Amino acid sequence: NIMLVSVVERTKEIGIRKALGAKNKVIEAQFLVESVLICAIGGV
């Protein structure tokens, strides 16, 4: 839920990065790493 909210909040940032040539895999990896980091910290 919070990651979906984050995607909405950072929509413009995503658009700028994609306009500068960022590939879909790079954008996907960025949000996936953030999600894993939140869960890993919570796990610890």
All heavy atoms as atom14 arrays in JSON, in Angstrom:
{
  "sequence": "NIMLVSVVERTKEIGIRKALGAKNKVIEAQFLVESVLICAIGGV",
  "atom14_mask": [
    [1, 1, 1, 1, 1, 1, 1, 1, 0, 0, 0, 0, 0, 0],
    [1, 1, 1, 1, 1, 1, 1, 1, 0, 0, 0, 0, 0, 0],
    [1, 1, 1, 1, 1, 1, 1, 1, 0, 0, 0, 0, 0, 0],
    [1, 1, 1, 1, 1, 1, 1, 1, 0, 0, 0, 0, 0, 0],
    [1, 1, 1, 1, 1, 1, 1, 0, 0, 0, 0, 0, 0, 0],
    [1, 1, 1, 1, 1, 1, 0, 0, 0, 0, 0, 0, 0, 0],
    [1, 1, 1, 1, 1, 1, 1, 0, 0, 0, 0, 0, 0, 0],
    [1, 1, 1, 1, 1, 1, 1, 0, 0, 0, 0, 0, 0, 0],
    [1, 1, 1, 1, 1, 1, 1, 1, 1, 0, 0, 0, 0, 0],
    [1, 1, 1, 1, 1, 1, 1, 1, 1, 1, 1, 0, 0, 0],
    [1, 1, 1, 1, 1, 1, 1, 0, 0, 0, 0, 0, 0, 0],
    [1, 1, 1, 1, 1, 1, 1, 1, 1, 0, 0, 0, 0, 0],
    [1, 1, 1, 1, 1, 1, 1, 1, 1, 0, 0, 0, 0, 0],
    [1, 1, 1, 1, 1, 1, 1, 1, 0, 0, 0, 0, 0, 0],
    [1, 1, 1, 1, 0, 0, 0, 0, 0, 0, 0, 0, 0, 0],
    [1, 1, 1, 1, 1, 1, 1, 1, 0, 0, 0, 0, 0, 0],
    [1, 1, 1, 1, 1, 1, 1, 1, 1, 1, 1, 0, 0, 0],
    [1, 1, 1, 1, 1, 1, 1, 1, 1, 0, 0, 0, 0, 0],
    [1, 1, 1, 1, 1, 0, 0, 0, 0, 0, 0, 0, 0, 0],
    [1, 1, 1, 1, 1, 1, 1, 1, 0, 0, 0, 0, 0, 0],
    [1, 1, 1, 1, 0, 0, 0, 0, 0, 0, 0, 0, 0, 0],
    [1, 1, 1, 1, 1, 0, 0, 0, 0, 0, 0, 0, 0, 0],
    [1, 1, 1, 1, 1, 1, 1, 1, 1, 0, 0, 0, 0, 0],
    [1, 1, 1, 1, 1, 1, 1, 1, 0, 0, 0, 0, 0, 0],
    [1, 1, 1, 1, 1, 1, 1, 1, 1, 0, 0, 0, 0, 0],
    [1, 1, 1, 1, 1, 1, 1, 0, 0, 0, 0, 0, 0, 0],
    [1, 1, 1, 1, 1, 1, 1, 1, 0, 0, 0, 0, 0, 0],
    [1, 1, 1, 1, 1, 1, 1, 1, 1, 0, 0, 0, 0, 0],
    [1, 1, 1, 1, 1, 0, 0, 0, 0, 0, 0, 0, 0, 0],
    [1, 1, 1, 1, 1, 1, 1, 1, 1, 0, 0, 0, 0, 0],
    [1, 1, 1, 1, 1, 1, 1, 1, 1, 1, 1, 0, 0, 0],
    [1, 1, 1, 1, 1, 1, 1, 1, 0, 0, 0, 0, 0, 0],
    [1, 1, 1, 1, 1, 1, 1, 0, 0, 0, 0, 0, 0, 0],
    [1, 1, 1, 1, 1, 1, 1, 1, 1, 0, 0, 0, 0, 0],
    [1, 1, 1, 1, 1, 1, 0, 0, 0, 0, 0, 0, 0, 0],
    [1, 1, 1, 1, 1, 1, 1, 0, 0, 0, 0, 0, 0, 0],
    [1, 1, 1, 1, 1, 1, 1, 1, 0, 0, 0, 0, 0, 0],
    [1, 1, 1, 1, 1, 1, 1, 1, 0, 0, 0, 0, 0, 0],
    [1, 1, 1, 1, 1, 1, 0, 0, 0, 0, 0, 0, 0, 0],
    [1, 1, 1, 1, 1, 0, 0, 0, 0, 0, 0, 0, 0, 0],
    [1, 1, 1, 1, 1, 1, 1, 1, 0, 0, 0, 0, 0, 0],
    [1, 1, 1, 1, 0, 0, 0, 0, 0, 0, 0, 0, 0, 0],
    [1, 1, 1, 1, 0, 0, 0, 0, 0, 0, 0, 0, 0, 0],
    [1, 1, 1, 1, 1, 1, 1, 0, 0, 0, 0, 0, 0, 0]
  ],
  "atom14_positions": [
    [[0.83, -1.21, 0.0], [0.0, 0.0, 0.0], [0.86, 1.26, 0.0], [0.63, 2.2, -0.78], [-0.91, -0.03, 1.23], [-1.82, 1.2, 1.3], [-2.56, 1.49, 0.38], [-1.72, 1.93, 2.41], [0.0, 0.0, 0.0], [0.0, 0.0, 0.0], [0.0, 0.0, 0.0], [0.0, 0.0, 0.0], [0.0, 0.0, 0.0], [0.0, 0.0, 0.0]],
    [[1.86, 1.29, 0.88], [2.69, 2.49, 0.99], [3.58, 2.66, -0.24], [3.9, 3.79, -0.65], [3.54, 2.46, 2.28], [3.84, 3.88, 2.75], [4.82, 1.69, 2.11], [2.61, 4.67, 3.15], [0.0, 0.0, 0.0], [0.0, 0.0, 0.0], [0.0, 0.0, 0.0], [0.0, 0.0, 0.0], [0.0, 0.0, 0.0], [0.0, 0.0, 0.0]],
    [[3.97, 1.57, -0.87], [4.78, 1.67, -2.09], [3.94, 2.19, -3.25], [4.43, 2.94, -4.1], [5.38, 0.3, -2.44], [6.47, -0.17, -1.48], [7.8, 1.04, -1.25], [8.42, 1.18, -2.91], [0.0, 0.0, 0.0], [0.0, 0.0, 0.0], [0.0, 0.0, 0.0], [0.0, 0.0, 0.0], [0.0, 0.0, 0.0], [0.0, 0.0, 0.0]],
    [[2.65, 1.83, -3.29], [1.76, 2.37, -4.32], [1.59, 3.88, -4.12], [1.56, 4.65, -5.09], [0.4, 1.67, -4.27], [0.39, 0.22, -4.79], [-0.95, -0.44, -4.51], [0.68, 0.19, -6.3], [0.0, 0.0, 0.0], [0.0, 0.0, 0.0], [0.0, 0.0, 0.0], [0.0, 0.0, 0.0], [0.0, 0.0, 0.0], [0.0, 0.0, 0.0]],
    [[1.46, 4.28, -2.85], [1.37, 5.71, -2.54], [2.65, 6.42, -2.98], [2.63, 7.51, -3.56], [1.13, 5.92, -1.03], [1.24, 7.41, -0.67], [-0.24, 5.39, -0.62], [0.0, 0.0, 0.0], [0.0, 0.0, 0.0], [0.0, 0.0, 0.0], [0.0, 0.0, 0.0], [0.0, 0.0, 0.0], [0.0, 0.0, 0.0], [0.0, 0.0, 0.0]],
    [[3.79, 5.77, -2.73], [5.09, 6.35, -3.11], [5.21, 6.52, -4.62], [5.75, 7.51, -5.11], [6.22, 5.48, -2.58], [7.48, 6.01, -2.9], [0.0, 0.0, 0.0], [0.0, 0.0, 0.0], [0.0, 0.0, 0.0], [0.0, 0.0, 0.0], [0.0, 0.0, 0.0], [0.0, 0.0, 0.0], [0.0, 0.0, 0.0], [0.0, 0.0, 0.0]],
    [[4.67, 5.53, -5.35], [4.71, 5.61, -6.82], [3.92, 6.83, -7.31], [4.37, 7.59, -8.18], [4.16, 4.32, -7.45], [3.94, 4.5, -8.96], [5.11, 3.16, -7.19], [0.0, 0.0, 0.0], [0.0, 0.0, 0.0], [0.0, 0.0, 0.0], [0.0, 0.0, 0.0], [0.0, 0.0, 0.0], [0.0, 0.0, 0.0], [0.0, 0.0, 0.0]],
    [[2.74, 7.02, -6.69], [1.91, 8.16, -7.08], [2.62, 9.47, -6.76], [2.62, 10.42, -7.56], [0.55, 8.08, -6.36], [-0.27, 9.36, -6.62], [-0.23, 6.87, -6.84], [0.0, 0.0, 0.0], [0.0, 0.0, 0.0], [0.0, 0.0, 0.0], [0.0, 0.0, 0.0], [0.0, 0.0, 0.0], [0.0, 0.0, 0.0], [0.0, 0.0, 0.0]],
    [[3.22, 9.55, -5.56], [3.89, 10.78, -5.15], [5.1, 11.11, -6.03], [5.44, 12.28, -6.21], [4.36, 10.65, -3.7], [3.23, 10.66, -2.67], [3.75, 10.48, -1.25], [4.93, 10.07, -1.09], [2.98, 10.73, -0.31], [0.0, 0.0, 0.0], [0.0, 0.0, 0.0], [0.0, 0.0, 0.0], [0.0, 0.0, 0.0], [0.0, 0.0, 0.0]],
    [[5.74, 10.09, -6.56], [6.97, 10.31, -7.32], [6.76, 10.1, -8.82], [7.71, 9.79, -9.55], [8.06, 9.37, -6.79], [8.44, 9.71, -5.36], [9.03, 8.55, -4.6], [10.3, 8.12, -5.14], [10.96, 7.05, -4.69], [10.46, 6.33, -3.71], [12.11, 6.72, -5.24], [0.0, 0.0, 0.0], [0.0, 0.0, 0.0], [0.0, 0.0, 0.0]],
    [[5.52, 10.28, -9.25], [5.21, 10.07, -10.67], [6.03, 11.0, -11.56], [6.58, 10.58, -12.59], [3.7, 10.29, -10.93], [2.96, 9.35, -10.16], [3.37, 10.11, -12.41], [0.0, 0.0, 0.0], [0.0, 0.0, 0.0], [0.0, 0.0, 0.0], [0.0, 0.0, 0.0], [0.0, 0.0, 0.0], [0.0, 0.0, 0.0], [0.0, 0.0, 0.0]],
    [[6.12, 12.27, -11.19], [6.87, 13.23, -12.0], [8.34, 12.86, -12.06], [9.01, 12.97, -13.11], [6.7, 14.63, -11.43], [6.98, 15.73, -12.43], [6.27, 17.01, -12.03], [6.0, 17.84, -13.26], [5.15, 19.01, -12.98], [0.0, 0.0, 0.0], [0.0, 0.0, 0.0], [0.0, 0.0, 0.0], [0.0, 0.0, 0.0], [0.0, 0.0, 0.0]],
    [[8.89, 12.41, -10.91], [10.3, 11.99, -10.86], [10.54, 10.83, -11.82], [11.55, 10.79, -12.54], [10.66, 11.57, -9.43], [12.07, 10.98, -9.3], [12.27, 10.28, -7.95], [11.63, 10.67, -6.96], [13.08, 9.32, -7.92], [0.0, 0.0, 0.0], [0.0, 0.0, 0.0], [0.0, 0.0, 0.0], [0.0, 0.0, 0.0], [0.0, 0.0, 0.0]],
    [[9.57, 9.88, -11.82], [9.68, 8.73, -12.73], [9.68, 9.19, -14.18], [10.46, 8.72, -15.02], [8.53, 7.73, -12.47], [8.65, 7.15, -11.05], [8.53, 6.61, -13.5], [7.41, 6.37, -10.61], [0.0, 0.0, 0.0], [0.0, 0.0, 0.0], [0.0, 0.0, 0.0], [0.0, 0.0, 0.0], [0.0, 0.0, 0.0], [0.0, 0.0, 0.0]],
    [[8.78, 10.16, -14.5], [8.69, 10.67, -15.86], [10.0, 11.33, -16.29], [10.47, 11.13, -17.42], [0.0, 0.0, 0.0], [0.0, 0.0, 0.0], [0.0, 0.0, 0.0], [0.0, 0.0, 0.0], [0.0, 0.0, 0.0], [0.0, 0.0, 0.0], [0.0, 0.0, 0.0], [0.0, 0.0, 0.0], [0.0, 0.0, 0.0], [0.0, 0.0, 0.0]],
    [[10.62, 12.11, -15.41], [11.88, 12.78, -15.73], [12.98, 11.75, -15.98], [13.76, 11.86, -16.94], [12.29, 13.74, -14.6], [11.3, 14.9, -14.52], [13.7, 14.26, -14.8], [11.49, 15.78, -13.3], [0.0, 0.0, 0.0], [0.0, 0.0, 0.0], [0.0, 0.0, 0.0], [0.0, 0.0, 0.0], [0.0, 0.0, 0.0], [0.0, 0.0, 0.0]],
    [[13.05, 10.74, -15.12], [14.1, 9.73, -15.25], [13.92, 8.93, -16.54], [14.9, 8.63, -17.24], [14.09, 8.78, -14.05], [14.48, 9.49, -12.74], [14.71, 8.49, -11.64], [15.84, 7.63, -11.96], [16.13, 6.51, -11.3], [15.37, 6.12, -10.31], [17.17, 5.78, -11.65], [0.0, 0.0, 0.0], [0.0, 0.0, 0.0], [0.0, 0.0, 0.0]],
    [[12.67, 8.62, -16.88], [12.44, 7.87, -18.12], [12.73, 8.75, -19.34], [13.21, 8.26, -20.38], [11.0, 7.33, -18.16], [10.72, 6.32, -17.06], [9.41, 5.58, -17.26], [9.59, 4.45, -18.26], [8.41, 3.58, -18.34], [0.0, 0.0, 0.0], [0.0, 0.0, 0.0], [0.0, 0.0, 0.0], [0.0, 0.0, 0.0], [0.0, 0.0, 0.0]],
    [[12.44, 10.06, -19.23], [12.73, 10.98, -20.34], [14.22, 11.1, -20.57], [14.68, 11.35, -21.7], [12.12, 12.34, -20.04], [0.0, 0.0, 0.0], [0.0, 0.0, 0.0], [0.0, 0.0, 0.0], [0.0, 0.0, 0.0], [0.0, 0.0, 0.0], [0.0, 0.0, 0.0], [0.0, 0.0, 0.0], [0.0, 0.0, 0.0], [0.0, 0.0, 0.0]],
    [[15.01, 10.91, -19.49], [16.48, 10.98, -19.6], [17.09, 9.65, -20.0], [18.32, 9.52, -20.07], [17.08, 11.44, -18.26], [16.74, 12.88, -17.85], [17.27, 13.17, -16.45], [17.35, 13.87, -18.86], [0.0, 0.0, 0.0], [0.0, 0.0, 0.0], [0.0, 0.0, 0.0], [0.0, 0.0, 0.0], [0.0, 0.0, 0.0], [0.0, 0.0, 0.0]],
    [[16.22, 8.65, -20.27], [16.73, 7.38, -20.81], [16.73, 6.21, -19.85], [17.27, 5.14, -20.18], [0.0, 0.0, 0.0], [0.0, 0.0, 0.0], [0.0, 0.0, 0.0], [0.0, 0.0, 0.0], [0.0, 0.0, 0.0], [0.0, 0.0, 0.0], [0.0, 0.0, 0.0], [0.0, 0.0, 0.0], [0.0, 0.0, 0.0], [0.0, 0.0, 0.0]],
    [[16.17, 6.37, -18.65], [16.12, 5.25, -17.7], [15.21, 4.16, -18.24], [14.09, 4.42, -18.69], [15.62, 5.73, -16.35], [0.0, 0.0, 0.0], [0.0, 0.0, 0.0], [0.0, 0.0, 0.0], [0.0, 0.0, 0.0], [0.0, 0.0, 0.0], [0.0, 0.0, 0.0], [0.0, 0.0, 0.0], [0.0, 0.0, 0.0], [0.0, 0.0, 0.0]],
    [[15.67, 2.94, -18.2], [14.89, 1.81, -18.7], [13.9, 1.35, -17.63], [14.03, 1.64, -16.44], [15.81, 0.66, -19.08], [16.74, 0.99, -20.25], [17.61, -0.21, -20.61], [18.53, 0.12, -21.78], [19.4, -1.02, -22.14], [0.0, 0.0, 0.0], [0.0, 0.0, 0.0], [0.0, 0.0, 0.0], [0.0, 0.0, 0.0], [0.0, 0.0, 0.0]],
    [[12.91, 0.57, -18.08], [11.88, 0.07, -17.17], [12.5, -0.77, -16.03], [12.07, -0.69, -14.88], [10.86, -0.79, -17.92], [9.96, 0.05, -18.78], [9.99, 1.29, -18.7], [9.15, -0.59, -19.6], [0.0, 0.0, 0.0], [0.0, 0.0, 0.0], [0.0, 0.0, 0.0], [0.0, 0.0, 0.0], [0.0, 0.0, 0.0], [0.0, 0.0, 0.0]],
    [[13.53, -1.57, -16.35], [14.16, -2.43, -15.35], [14.83, -1.61, -14.25], [14.85, -2.0, -13.09], [15.17, -3.36, -16.01], [14.55, -4.47, -16.83], [15.61, -5.44, -17.35], [14.96, -6.59, -18.13], [15.99, -7.53, -18.65], [0.0, 0.0, 0.0], [0.0, 0.0, 0.0], [0.0, 0.0, 0.0], [0.0, 0.0, 0.0], [0.0, 0.0, 0.0]],
    [[15.38, -0.45, -14.64], [16.05, 0.42, -13.66], [15.03, 1.0, -12.68], [15.24, 1.03, -11.47], [16.83, 1.55, -14.37], [17.39, 2.54, -13.34], [17.94, 0.97, -15.22], [0.0, 0.0, 0.0], [0.0, 0.0, 0.0], [0.0, 0.0, 0.0], [0.0, 0.0, 0.0], [0.0, 0.0, 0.0], [0.0, 0.0, 0.0], [0.0, 0.0, 0.0]],
    [[13.89, 1.49, -13.24], [12.82, 2.04, -12.4], [12.26, 0.94, -11.48], [12.05, 1.16, -10.27], [11.69, 2.63, -13.26], [12.24, 3.72, -14.2], [10.58, 3.16, -12.38], [12.8, 4.92, -13.48], [0.0, 0.0, 0.0], [0.0, 0.0, 0.0], [0.0, 0.0, 0.0], [0.0, 0.0, 0.0], [0.0, 0.0, 0.0], [0.0, 0.0, 0.0]],
    [[12.05, -0.23, -12.06], [11.5, -1.35, -11.28], [12.45, -1.73, -10.16], [12.02, -1.94, -9.01], [11.27, -2.54, -12.21], [10.61, -3.73, -11.53], [10.33, -4.87, -12.51], [9.92, -4.58, -13.66], [10.51, -6.03, -12.11], [0.0, 0.0, 0.0], [0.0, 0.0, 0.0], [0.0, 0.0, 0.0], [0.0, 0.0, 0.0], [0.0, 0.0, 0.0]],
    [[13.73, -1.78, -10.44], [14.73, -2.16, -9.43], [14.77, -1.13, -8.31], [14.91, -1.48, -7.14], [16.1, -2.3, -10.08], [0.0, 0.0, 0.0], [0.0, 0.0, 0.0], [0.0, 0.0, 0.0], [0.0, 0.0, 0.0], [0.0, 0.0, 0.0], [0.0, 0.0, 0.0], [0.0, 0.0, 0.0], [0.0, 0.0, 0.0], [0.0, 0.0, 0.0]],
    [[14.63, 0.15, -8.65], [14.69, 1.2, -7.64], [13.59, 1.02, -6.59], [13.85, 1.06, -5.39], [14.55, 2.57, -8.32], [14.55, 3.73, -7.31], [14.27, 5.07, -7.98], [14.33, 5.18, -9.21], [13.94, 6.08, -7.18], [0.0, 0.0, 0.0], [0.0, 0.0, 0.0], [0.0, 0.0, 0.0], [0.0, 0.0, 0.0], [0.0, 0.0, 0.0]],
    [[12.36, 0.79, -7.04], [11.24, 0.65, -6.1], [11.27, -0.7, -5.38], [10.86, -0.8, -4.22], [9.91, 0.85, -6.84], [9.61, 2.29, -7.12], [10.07, 2.91, -8.28], [8.89, 3.04, -6.21], [9.81, 4.24, -8.54], [8.62, 4.38, -6.47], [9.08, 4.98, -7.63], [0.0, 0.0, 0.0], [0.0, 0.0, 0.0], [0.0, 0.0, 0.0]],
    [[11.76, -1.72, -6.09], [11.83, -3.04, -5.47], [12.87, -3.04, -4.34], [12.64, -3.62, -3.27], [12.19, -4.09, -6.52], [12.0, -5.57, -6.11], [10.55, -5.82, -5.72], [12.39, -6.49, -7.27], [0.0, 0.0, 0.0], [0.0, 0.0, 0.0], [0.0, 0.0, 0.0], [0.0, 0.0, 0.0], [0.0, 0.0, 0.0], [0.0, 0.0, 0.0]],
    [[14.01, -2.4, -4.56], [15.04, -2.3, -3.52], [14.51, -1.54, -2.31], [14.76, -1.92, -1.16], [16.31, -1.61, -4.08], [17.26, -1.24, -2.93], [17.02, -2.53, -5.06], [0.0, 0.0, 0.0], [0.0, 0.0, 0.0], [0.0, 0.0, 0.0], [0.0, 0.0, 0.0], [0.0, 0.0, 0.0], [0.0, 0.0, 0.0], [0.0, 0.0, 0.0]],
    [[13.73, -0.5, -2.54], [13.16, 0.26, -1.43], [12.19, -0.6, -0.61], [12.2, -0.56, 0.62], [12.43, 1.5, -1.97], [11.9, 2.4, -0.86], [11.28, 3.67, -1.42], [11.61, 4.06, -2.55], [10.45, 4.27, -0.7], [0.0, 0.0, 0.0], [0.0, 0.0, 0.0], [0.0, 0.0, 0.0], [0.0, 0.0, 0.0], [0.0, 0.0, 0.0]],
    [[11.38, -1.37, -1.3], [10.43, -2.25, -0.62], [11.17, -3.31, 0.22], [10.82, -3.56, 1.38], [9.53, -2.94, -1.65], [8.74, -3.94, -1.05], [0.0, 0.0, 0.0], [0.0, 0.0, 0.0], [0.0, 0.0, 0.0], [0.0, 0.0, 0.0], [0.0, 0.0, 0.0], [0.0, 0.0, 0.0], [0.0, 0.0, 0.0], [0.0, 0.0, 0.0]],
    [[12.2, -3.91, -0.38], [12.98, -4.94, 0.33], [13.7, -4.32, 1.52], [13.78, -4.93, 2.59], [13.99, -5.61, -0.64], [14.94, -6.52, 0.15], [13.25, -6.42, -1.7], [0.0, 0.0, 0.0], [0.0, 0.0, 0.0], [0.0, 0.0, 0.0], [0.0, 0.0, 0.0], [0.0, 0.0, 0.0], [0.0, 0.0, 0.0], [0.0, 0.0, 0.0]],
    [[14.22, -3.1, 1.35], [14.93, -2.44, 2.45], [14.0, -2.2, 3.64], [14.39, -2.44, 4.79], [15.51, -1.11, 1.95], [16.29, -0.3, 3.01], [17.52, -1.06, 3.47], [16.69, 1.07, 2.44], [0.0, 0.0, 0.0], [0.0, 0.0, 0.0], [0.0, 0.0, 0.0], [0.0, 0.0, 0.0], [0.0, 0.0, 0.0], [0.0, 0.0, 0.0]],
    [[12.79, -1.72, 3.35], [11.83, -1.49, 4.44], [11.54, -2.78, 5.19], [11.54, -2.82, 6.43], [10.52, -0.89, 3.87], [10.76, 0.53, 3.38], [9.4, -0.91, 4.91], [9.57, 1.15, 2.65], [0.0, 0.0, 0.0], [0.0, 0.0, 0.0], [0.0, 0.0, 0.0], [0.0, 0.0, 0.0], [0.0, 0.0, 0.0], [0.0, 0.0, 0.0]],
    [[11.31, -3.87, 4.46], [11.0, -5.16, 5.09], [12.21, -5.73, 5.82], [12.07, -6.34, 6.89], [10.5, -6.15, 4.05], [8.86, -5.76, 3.41], [0.0, 0.0, 0.0], [0.0, 0.0, 0.0], [0.0, 0.0, 0.0], [0.0, 0.0, 0.0], [0.0, 0.0, 0.0], [0.0, 0.0, 0.0], [0.0, 0.0, 0.0], [0.0, 0.0, 0.0]],
    [[13.42, -5.54, 5.24], [14.63, -6.06, 5.88], [14.89, -5.36, 7.2], [15.23, -5.99, 8.21], [15.82, -5.91, 4.95], [0.0, 0.0, 0.0], [0.0, 0.0, 0.0], [0.0, 0.0, 0.0], [0.0, 0.0, 0.0], [0.0, 0.0, 0.0], [0.0, 0.0, 0.0], [0.0, 0.0, 0.0], [0.0, 0.0, 0.0], [0.0, 0.0, 0.0]],
    [[14.73, -4.02, 7.2], [14.91, -3.27, 8.45], [13.87, -3.7, 9.48], [14.18, -3.91, 10.66], [14.81, -1.75, 8.19], [15.98, -1.29, 7.31], [14.8, -0.98, 9.51], [15.87, 0.16, 6.87], [0.0, 0.0, 0.0], [0.0, 0.0, 0.0], [0.0, 0.0, 0.0], [0.0, 0.0, 0.0], [0.0, 0.0, 0.0], [0.0, 0.0, 0.0]],
    [[12.62, -3.85, 9.01], [11.56, -4.34, 9.91], [11.87, -5.73, 10.44], [11.61, -6.03, 11.61], [0.0, 0.0, 0.0], [0.0, 0.0, 0.0], [0.0, 0.0, 0.0], [0.0, 0.0, 0.0], [0.0, 0.0, 0.0], [0.0, 0.0, 0.0], [0.0, 0.0, 0.0], [0.0, 0.0, 0.0], [0.0, 0.0, 0.0], [0.0, 0.0, 0.0]],
    [[12.45, -6.57, 9.58], [12.82, -7.93, 10.01], [13.88, -7.92, 11.08], [13.79, -8.65, 12.08], [0.0, 0.0, 0.0], [0.0, 0.0, 0.0], [0.0, 0.0, 0.0], [0.0, 0.0, 0.0], [0.0, 0.0, 0.0], [0.0, 0.0, 0.0], [0.0, 0.0, 0.0], [0.0, 0.0, 0.0], [0.0, 0.0, 0.0], [0.0, 0.0, 0.0]],
    [[14.91, -7.08, 10.89], [15.99, -6.98, 11.89], [15.44, -6.47, 13.22], [15.75, -7.01, 14.29], [17.12, -6.06, 11.38], [18.13, -5.8, 12.5], [17.81, -6.69, 10.18], [0.0, 0.0, 0.0], [0.0, 0.0, 0.0], [0.0, 0.0, 0.0], [0.0, 0.0, 0.0], [0.0, 0.0, 0.0], [0.0, 0.0, 0.0], [0.0, 0.0, 0.0]]
  ]
}
